[in-house]
Amino acid sequence: MKELILIHGTNLEKAKKALKEAAKCMNNDDLSITTLRLYTTRDDNTFAVRPNRLCDPWHFSILCDNLLSALENDKDAYIEAWFVLTVEYTMDEVPKYKKLYLSFDKEKCTTDIIDPKGNLYKMFEYEIEEDVEGIQIEMVGTGDYKPYPKMQFTPLPDGEGLFHVGPQSRKRKLSTIYQWSRLSEVIPSIIVLIIGAITIFSMIAIWDYSETLLPFSINFWVPFAVCVVIGFILAVEKIVLKIFNFWGRFILSTLAVAWVAGVLMVLVFSVNQWFESPEPIYGSGIVREMEARGGDEVNYNYKVDVFEPIEGNLDIRMYHDGSFSVNENVKVVLHRGFYGMYHAEKIEHREGDRLRWKSVF
C-alpha cells in the first residue's frame, strides 16, 4: 500500500475528529476509497492515515483536500502525503510508478506535487461549463522533494482508528465485513497454501509425465520457455492486472501460466498414474543415458528407448539401483493408466548377456 498521509502538529483527539469529518464529506458511492485507518507514530504530535486499498489518485487528492479543510481551525496542524501513479491514471506529465510527494499550503489553498527528481507540478482549476470545474496539472519549476518516510505505524486498538468513507451501501458494508472479519487474515494464507500445493504437485506431475510412455519427448526447458513466451504476450497485452508495470505483469503472467500448466499436467499424467491398473505389462527397451545424482546415497535416473508395447522414450527413476549400464537391453515394467497411457514402474535386467546397442546417429 503506497498511499500515505501524515498529520503533524495536533493531538490524537483532533486528528480523529478531522479524519471523521473528512471521511463523512466523501459521500460518493463510486469512490475507490471505502475506509480510512488512523495510526499513531513515535511522535506524539504526528499521525498517519492510509486508505483501505490502492485508490484512484484523484480520489486520494480529494481526501487530502477534505482533511485539510477539516484541520482548518487547528492553526498548528498541517499535512503531507505520498502516492504512486500507474498507467491507468492520467495526471498530465506527472511521472508513473514513482513515489510522489504532496505538499499543501493551508493559507493559499494550493497543492504541490513534487517527483523524486525535484520537478514541481501545480494543480489549476478551470471552468468546463457553468458550475462544472476541471483540474489541470502543469510543471512549473522545481521544489524540495521529501522521501517516503520510514516510520513505525501503530494502529489504534479495538477499531478506534477505522473510519468509513461516505454512506454505507451494501457494497461498502461487504468490504467492511471483509476487513473486520478474519477472512482478510486467513484468505492470503489459504492462497499461499494452494499455490504451494499446486507447485509441489506440478513437480510430481513432471516426473509422472517423464515416466509415461509417449511417442515423443520434450526437452526439459521447453515448457518453461513456453510459459515465459505466453507470460510476455499477456504482459504486453495488459491482460493480467493492469495495476502492475510491465515487469510485474510479465512475472505474474509467467507464474500464472506455469501454475495452469502444472494443474493440467496433474490432471492428465498424475491422474493417469494414480488410477492405473495393478496388472503389470512387460515391454522391452535399451538404456540410452544414465544420470547419478546425490551425495552419500546416489539416486539413479535412466533414459530408456522403448520398443514394446509401443515405441517411445522414458525417464525412469530407480533411486539407489545403479546396476544398469548404458546400451543395456532391459525389461520395462509398465501399467496401463486411467487414460490408457502406459506408466513405467521400473526397469529390470534381462536374463543372459546384456545386448549392446549402437546408435545410428
Protein backbone atom coordinates (compact mmCIF):
# COMPACT_ATOMS: atom_id res chain seq x y z
CA MET A 1 0.00 0.00 0.00
CA LYS A 2 1.75 3.16 -1.22
CA GLU A 3 -0.77 5.92 -0.34
CA LEU A 4 0.06 7.70 2.91
CA ILE A 5 -0.94 10.92 4.66
CA LEU A 6 0.90 12.33 7.68
CA ILE A 7 -0.88 14.73 10.03
CA HIS A 8 1.53 16.92 12.01
CA GLY A 9 1.15 19.40 14.85
CA THR A 10 -2.02 18.14 16.54
CA ASN A 11 -3.20 15.65 19.14
CA LEU A 12 -4.96 12.32 18.77
CA GLU A 13 -8.47 13.57 19.50
CA LYS A 14 -8.24 16.39 16.98
CA ALA A 15 -6.77 14.05 14.37
CA LYS A 16 -9.62 11.56 14.89
CA LYS A 17 -12.21 14.32 14.68
CA ALA A 18 -10.71 15.75 11.49
CA LEU A 19 -10.43 12.36 9.82
CA LYS A 20 -14.02 11.50 10.73
CA GLU A 21 -15.21 14.77 9.21
CA ALA A 22 -13.13 14.27 6.05
CA ALA A 23 -14.45 10.73 5.61
CA LYS A 24 -18.03 11.91 6.05
CA CYS A 25 -17.62 14.57 3.34
CA MET A 26 -16.61 11.98 0.76
CA ASN A 27 -20.14 10.77 0.08
CA ASN A 28 -19.77 9.49 -3.49
CA ASP A 29 -20.56 5.77 -3.56
CA ASP A 30 -18.31 5.32 -6.63
CA LEU A 31 -15.17 6.40 -4.79
CA SER A 32 -12.35 3.86 -4.75
CA ILE A 33 -11.77 4.56 -1.04
CA THR A 34 -14.22 2.89 1.36
CA THR A 35 -12.44 3.13 4.73
CA LEU A 36 -9.59 5.06 6.31
CA ARG A 37 -7.36 3.92 9.14
CA LEU A 38 -5.55 6.18 11.59
CA TYR A 39 -2.19 5.19 13.09
CA THR A 40 -0.05 6.64 15.84
CA THR A 41 3.70 7.14 15.47
CA ARG A 42 6.56 7.57 17.90
CA ASP A 43 5.96 11.33 17.68
CA ASP A 44 3.00 12.25 19.89
CA ASN A 45 2.06 15.07 17.50
CA THR A 46 2.28 13.08 14.24
CA PHE A 47 -0.31 10.62 12.95
CA ALA A 48 -0.56 8.52 9.79
CA VAL A 49 -3.60 7.88 7.59
CA ARG A 50 -3.94 5.13 5.00
CA PRO A 51 -6.85 4.31 2.65
CA ASN A 52 -8.00 0.71 2.64
CA ARG A 53 -6.82 -0.13 -0.87
CA LEU A 54 -4.88 1.08 -3.89
CA CYS A 55 -7.05 4.04 -4.75
CA ASP A 56 -7.62 6.44 -7.61
CA PRO A 57 -5.12 9.32 -7.22
CA TRP A 58 -7.86 11.87 -7.88
CA HIS A 59 -9.90 10.39 -5.02
CA PHE A 60 -6.77 10.47 -2.87
CA SER A 61 -6.37 14.15 -3.74
CA ILE A 62 -10.00 14.79 -2.73
CA LEU A 63 -9.35 13.02 0.57
CA CYS A 64 -6.33 15.25 1.23
CA ASP A 65 -8.33 18.40 0.44
CA ASN A 66 -11.16 17.31 2.75
CA LEU A 67 -8.72 16.52 5.54
CA LEU A 68 -7.01 19.86 5.06
CA SER A 69 -10.38 21.63 5.32
CA ALA A 70 -11.23 19.64 8.47
CA LEU A 71 -7.99 20.88 10.08
CA GLU A 72 -8.57 24.48 9.03
CA ASN A 73 -9.26 25.72 12.57
CA ASP A 74 -6.24 23.91 14.00
CA LYS A 75 -3.56 26.52 13.27
CA ASP A 76 -0.56 24.33 14.09
CA ALA A 77 -1.77 21.31 12.15
CA TYR A 78 -0.59 20.57 8.63
CA ILE A 79 -0.48 17.52 6.39
CA GLU A 80 1.78 15.99 3.75
CA ALA A 81 1.19 12.93 1.57
CA TRP A 82 2.71 10.42 -0.81
CA PHE A 83 1.11 8.41 -3.63
CA VAL A 84 2.04 6.49 -6.80
CA LEU A 85 0.53 6.86 -10.27
CA THR A 86 0.04 3.84 -12.54
CA VAL A 87 -0.75 3.68 -16.24
CA GLU A 88 -4.50 3.67 -15.57
CA TYR A 89 -4.45 7.19 -14.14
CA THR A 90 -3.56 10.35 -16.02
CA MET A 91 -2.19 13.48 -14.40
CA ASP A 92 -0.72 15.08 -17.49
CA GLU A 93 3.09 14.92 -17.33
CA VAL A 94 3.36 13.61 -13.76
CA PRO A 95 5.64 10.50 -13.86
CA LYS A 96 4.27 7.00 -13.31
CA TYR A 97 5.45 4.36 -10.81
CA LYS A 98 7.29 6.94 -8.68
CA LYS A 99 6.55 7.86 -5.07
CA LEU A 100 5.24 11.42 -5.48
CA TYR A 101 5.24 13.93 -2.65
CA LEU A 102 2.21 16.16 -1.99
CA SER A 103 2.71 19.46 -0.18
CA PHE A 104 -0.21 21.63 0.92
CA ASP A 105 -0.45 25.33 1.74
CA LYS A 106 -3.38 25.98 4.08
CA GLU A 107 -3.34 29.74 3.66
CA LYS A 108 -3.08 29.80 -0.14
CA CYS A 109 -5.20 26.66 -0.55
CA THR A 110 -2.73 25.21 -3.05
CA THR A 111 -1.43 21.71 -3.65
CA ASP A 112 2.04 20.98 -4.99
CA ILE A 113 3.19 17.66 -6.44
CA ILE A 114 6.95 17.01 -6.42
CA ASP A 115 8.56 14.00 -8.08
CA PRO A 116 11.81 12.34 -6.89
CA LYS A 117 13.81 14.43 -9.39
CA GLY A 118 12.54 17.64 -7.78
CA ASN A 119 10.17 18.66 -10.57
CA LEU A 120 7.26 20.74 -9.21
CA TYR A 121 3.70 20.36 -10.52
CA LYS A 122 0.76 22.56 -9.55
CA MET A 123 -2.97 21.94 -9.81
CA PHE A 124 -5.06 24.56 -11.55
CA GLU A 125 -8.85 24.67 -11.62
CA TYR A 126 -10.66 25.75 -14.75
CA GLU A 127 -14.31 26.00 -15.72
CA ILE A 128 -15.53 23.36 -18.14
CA GLU A 129 -19.07 24.71 -18.24
CA GLU A 130 -21.31 26.57 -15.85
CA ASP A 131 -20.97 25.17 -12.31
CA VAL A 132 -18.63 22.45 -13.61
CA GLU A 133 -14.91 22.76 -12.89
CA GLY A 134 -11.94 20.72 -14.07
CA ILE A 135 -8.41 20.31 -12.75
CA GLN A 136 -5.26 20.62 -14.81
CA ILE A 137 -1.74 19.81 -13.65
CA GLU A 138 1.30 21.59 -15.07
CA MET A 139 5.02 21.51 -14.32
CA VAL A 140 6.00 24.97 -13.11
CA GLY A 141 9.55 24.60 -11.80
CA THR A 142 11.39 22.74 -9.08
CA GLY A 143 10.69 22.02 -5.43
CA ASP A 144 12.04 20.23 -2.38
CA TYR A 145 11.16 16.54 -2.60
CA LYS A 146 10.67 14.75 0.70
CA PRO A 147 11.34 10.97 0.55
CA TYR A 148 8.73 8.45 1.59
CA PRO A 149 9.05 8.17 5.39
CA LYS A 150 10.38 5.07 7.10
CA MET A 151 8.32 5.16 10.26
CA GLN A 152 6.69 2.68 12.59
CA PHE A 153 2.89 2.96 12.50
CA THR A 154 0.76 1.56 15.31
CA PRO A 155 -3.00 1.00 14.72
CA LEU A 156 -5.41 2.21 17.37
CA PRO A 157 -6.92 -0.62 19.46
CA ASP A 158 -10.45 -2.04 19.09
CA GLY A 159 -11.06 -0.48 15.69
CA GLU A 160 -10.93 3.00 17.18
CA GLY A 161 -8.93 4.31 14.24
CA LEU A 162 -11.16 2.90 11.47
CA PHE A 163 -13.41 5.41 9.68
CA HIS A 164 -15.99 4.65 7.00
CA VAL A 165 -15.96 6.82 3.89
CA GLY A 166 -19.37 8.06 2.78
CA PRO A 167 -22.69 6.23 3.21
CA GLN A 168 -22.53 2.52 3.97
CA SER A 169 -24.08 0.94 0.89
CA ARG A 170 -24.29 -2.85 0.57
CA LYS A 171 -21.05 -2.88 -1.40
CA ARG A 172 -19.25 -0.87 1.26
CA LYS A 173 -20.70 -2.97 4.08
CA LEU A 174 -19.40 -6.14 2.44
CA SER A 175 -15.97 -4.53 2.13
CA THR A 176 -16.08 -3.52 5.78
CA ILE A 177 -17.17 -7.01 6.89
CA TYR A 178 -14.23 -8.46 4.96
CA GLN A 179 -11.83 -6.08 6.70
CA TRP A 180 -13.20 -6.74 10.17
CA SER A 181 -13.51 -10.50 9.78
CA ARG A 182 -10.66 -12.97 10.00
CA LEU A 183 -11.06 -13.58 6.26
CA SER A 184 -8.64 -10.75 5.50
CA GLU A 185 -6.01 -12.64 7.50
CA VAL A 186 -6.95 -16.22 6.57
CA ILE A 187 -7.53 -15.90 2.82
CA PRO A 188 -3.95 -14.80 1.95
CA SER A 189 -2.62 -17.79 3.93
CA ILE A 190 -5.02 -20.13 2.13
CA ILE A 191 -3.92 -18.70 -1.23
CA VAL A 192 -0.25 -19.25 -0.33
CA LEU A 193 -1.01 -22.85 0.71
CA ILE A 194 -2.93 -23.51 -2.52
CA ILE A 195 -0.11 -22.07 -4.65
CA GLY A 196 2.43 -24.12 -2.69
CA ALA A 197 0.37 -27.30 -3.15
CA ILE A 198 -0.01 -26.62 -6.89
CA THR A 199 3.76 -26.11 -7.18
CA ILE A 200 4.55 -29.38 -5.35
CA PHE A 201 2.01 -31.41 -7.34
CA SER A 202 3.28 -29.83 -10.56
CA MET A 203 6.82 -31.02 -9.81
CA ILE A 204 5.46 -34.52 -9.15
CA ALA A 205 3.45 -34.31 -12.40
CA ILE A 206 6.65 -33.55 -14.32
CA TRP A 207 8.07 -36.91 -13.19
CA ASP A 208 4.77 -38.67 -13.93
CA TYR A 209 4.99 -37.19 -17.43
CA SER A 210 8.60 -38.35 -17.89
CA GLU A 211 7.62 -41.89 -16.84
CA THR A 212 4.60 -42.02 -19.16
CA LEU A 213 5.24 -43.84 -22.45
CA LEU A 214 4.61 -41.38 -25.27
CA PRO A 215 5.72 -41.49 -28.91
CA PHE A 216 7.57 -38.19 -28.43
CA SER A 217 9.76 -36.49 -25.86
CA ILE A 218 10.20 -32.80 -25.00
CA ASN A 219 13.34 -31.17 -23.67
CA PHE A 220 13.09 -30.12 -20.04
CA TRP A 221 13.45 -26.39 -20.84
CA VAL A 222 10.66 -26.28 -23.45
CA PRO A 223 7.67 -25.96 -21.01
CA PHE A 224 9.47 -23.15 -19.16
CA ALA A 225 10.17 -21.34 -22.43
CA VAL A 226 6.51 -21.67 -23.43
CA CYS A 227 5.40 -20.20 -20.07
CA VAL A 228 7.80 -17.28 -20.47
CA VAL A 229 6.62 -16.53 -24.02
CA ILE A 230 2.93 -16.63 -23.05
CA GLY A 231 3.67 -14.52 -19.97
CA PHE A 232 5.39 -11.93 -22.19
CA ILE A 233 2.40 -11.82 -24.55
CA LEU A 234 -0.07 -11.40 -21.67
CA ALA A 235 2.10 -8.64 -20.18
CA VAL A 236 2.27 -6.75 -23.48
CA GLU A 237 -1.48 -7.09 -23.96
CA LYS A 238 -2.03 -5.95 -20.32
CA ILE A 239 -4.45 -8.83 -19.77
CA VAL A 240 -3.25 -9.64 -16.24
CA LEU A 241 -3.79 -6.97 -13.54
CA LYS A 242 -3.07 -3.64 -15.18
CA ILE A 243 -2.13 -2.10 -11.81
CA PHE A 244 1.39 -3.52 -12.25
CA ASN A 245 4.09 -2.23 -14.58
CA PHE A 246 5.33 -4.35 -17.48
CA TRP A 247 7.80 -6.42 -15.47
CA GLY A 248 5.27 -7.01 -12.71
CA ARG A 249 2.69 -8.22 -15.23
CA PHE A 250 5.35 -10.30 -17.02
CA ILE A 251 6.39 -12.13 -13.83
CA LEU A 252 2.80 -12.61 -12.65
CA SER A 253 1.65 -13.80 -16.09
CA THR A 254 4.52 -16.27 -16.39
CA LEU A 255 3.82 -17.70 -12.94
CA ALA A 256 0.08 -17.90 -13.68
CA VAL A 257 0.68 -19.76 -16.95
CA ALA A 258 3.11 -22.11 -15.18
CA TRP A 259 0.54 -22.87 -12.46
CA VAL A 260 -2.18 -23.53 -15.05
CA ALA A 261 0.19 -25.80 -17.00
CA GLY A 262 1.09 -27.58 -13.75
CA VAL A 263 -2.56 -28.20 -12.92
CA LEU A 264 -3.18 -29.59 -16.43
CA MET A 265 -0.19 -31.93 -16.11
CA VAL A 266 -1.51 -33.17 -12.76
CA LEU A 267 -4.96 -33.79 -14.26
CA VAL A 268 -3.51 -35.71 -17.20
CA PHE A 269 -0.32 -37.52 -16.20
CA SER A 270 -0.68 -37.78 -12.41
CA VAL A 271 -4.33 -38.90 -12.57
CA ASN A 272 -3.34 -41.42 -15.25
CA GLN A 273 -0.73 -42.82 -12.84
CA TRP A 274 -2.83 -42.67 -9.65
CA PHE A 275 -5.62 -44.82 -11.12
CA GLU A 276 -3.55 -47.29 -13.13
CA SER A 277 -4.34 -51.00 -13.39
CA PRO A 278 -2.47 -53.26 -10.94
CA GLU A 279 -1.54 -55.86 -13.59
CA PRO A 280 1.97 -55.29 -14.97
CA ILE A 281 2.65 -55.12 -18.69
CA TYR A 282 6.19 -56.04 -19.74
CA GLY A 283 7.94 -54.18 -22.53
CA SER A 284 11.49 -54.01 -23.83
CA GLY A 285 13.90 -51.14 -24.25
CA ILE A 286 17.50 -50.01 -24.20
CA VAL A 287 19.17 -47.71 -21.67
CA ARG A 288 20.32 -44.66 -23.60
CA GLU A 289 21.66 -42.50 -20.73
CA MET A 290 22.27 -42.82 -17.01
CA GLU A 291 22.24 -39.92 -14.53
CA ALA A 292 23.62 -40.24 -11.00
CA ARG A 293 22.62 -37.55 -8.52
CA GLY A 294 23.09 -37.08 -4.80
CA GLY A 295 25.81 -37.39 -2.17
CA ASP A 296 26.20 -40.39 0.10
CA GLU A 297 23.05 -42.05 -1.24
CA VAL A 298 23.15 -41.68 -5.01
CA ASN A 299 19.88 -41.65 -6.96
CA TYR A 300 19.96 -43.10 -10.47
CA ASN A 301 17.75 -41.93 -13.32
CA TYR A 302 17.73 -43.78 -16.64
CA LYS A 303 16.67 -42.57 -20.08
CA VAL A 304 15.22 -45.57 -21.90
CA ASP A 305 14.23 -46.01 -25.54
CA VAL A 306 11.22 -48.37 -25.50
CA PHE A 307 10.34 -50.66 -28.43
CA GLU A 308 7.41 -52.62 -26.95
CA PRO A 309 4.45 -52.46 -26.41
CA ILE A 310 4.81 -49.18 -28.36
CA GLU A 311 7.80 -47.11 -29.32
CA GLY A 312 8.60 -44.17 -27.11
CA ASN A 313 11.01 -42.57 -24.64
CA LEU A 314 11.02 -42.67 -20.85
CA ASP A 315 12.92 -41.18 -17.91
CA ILE A 316 12.72 -43.79 -15.14
CA ARG A 317 13.77 -43.32 -11.53
CA MET A 318 15.48 -46.35 -9.99
CA TYR A 319 16.57 -44.48 -6.84
CA HIS A 320 19.65 -46.27 -5.41
CA ASP A 321 19.84 -49.04 -8.01
CA GLY A 322 22.89 -48.28 -10.16
CA SER A 323 23.30 -51.78 -11.57
CA PHE A 324 22.16 -50.84 -15.09
CA SER A 325 24.57 -49.63 -17.76
CA VAL A 326 24.27 -47.59 -20.93
CA ASN A 327 23.28 -49.63 -24.02
CA GLU A 328 21.91 -52.44 -21.85
CA ASN A 329 18.78 -54.21 -23.12
CA VAL A 330 16.25 -54.11 -20.25
CA LYS A 331 12.76 -55.24 -19.38
CA VAL A 332 10.35 -52.31 -18.73
CA VAL A 333 7.56 -52.89 -16.18
CA LEU A 334 4.52 -50.82 -17.21
CA HIS A 335 0.95 -50.28 -16.03
CA ARG A 336 -1.99 -49.09 -18.12
CA GLY A 337 -3.22 -45.82 -16.63
CA PHE A 338 -6.62 -44.23 -16.22
CA TYR A 339 -6.48 -42.65 -19.69
CA GLY A 340 -4.98 -45.74 -21.34
CA MET A 341 -1.42 -44.40 -21.40
CA TYR A 342 1.38 -46.67 -20.16
CA HIS A 343 3.19 -45.58 -17.00
CA ALA A 344 6.60 -47.08 -16.16
CA GLU A 345 7.11 -48.56 -12.70
CA LYS A 346 10.73 -49.72 -13.08
CA ILE A 347 13.24 -51.49 -15.31
CA GLU A 348 14.65 -54.99 -14.77
CA HIS A 349 17.68 -56.89 -16.07
CA ARG A 350 17.10 -59.43 -18.80
CA GLU A 351 18.45 -62.92 -18.37
CA GLY A 352 21.65 -63.78 -20.26
CA ASP A 353 24.23 -61.47 -21.70
CA ARG A 354 23.45 -57.81 -21.98
CA LEU A 355 22.91 -56.70 -25.54
CA ARG A 356 24.80 -53.71 -26.80
CA TRP A 357 23.03 -51.10 -28.81
CA LYS A 358 24.76 -48.74 -31.18
CA SER A 359 23.09 -45.56 -32.25
CA VAL A 360 22.80 -44.96 -35.97
CA PHE A 361 23.08 -41.25 -35.35
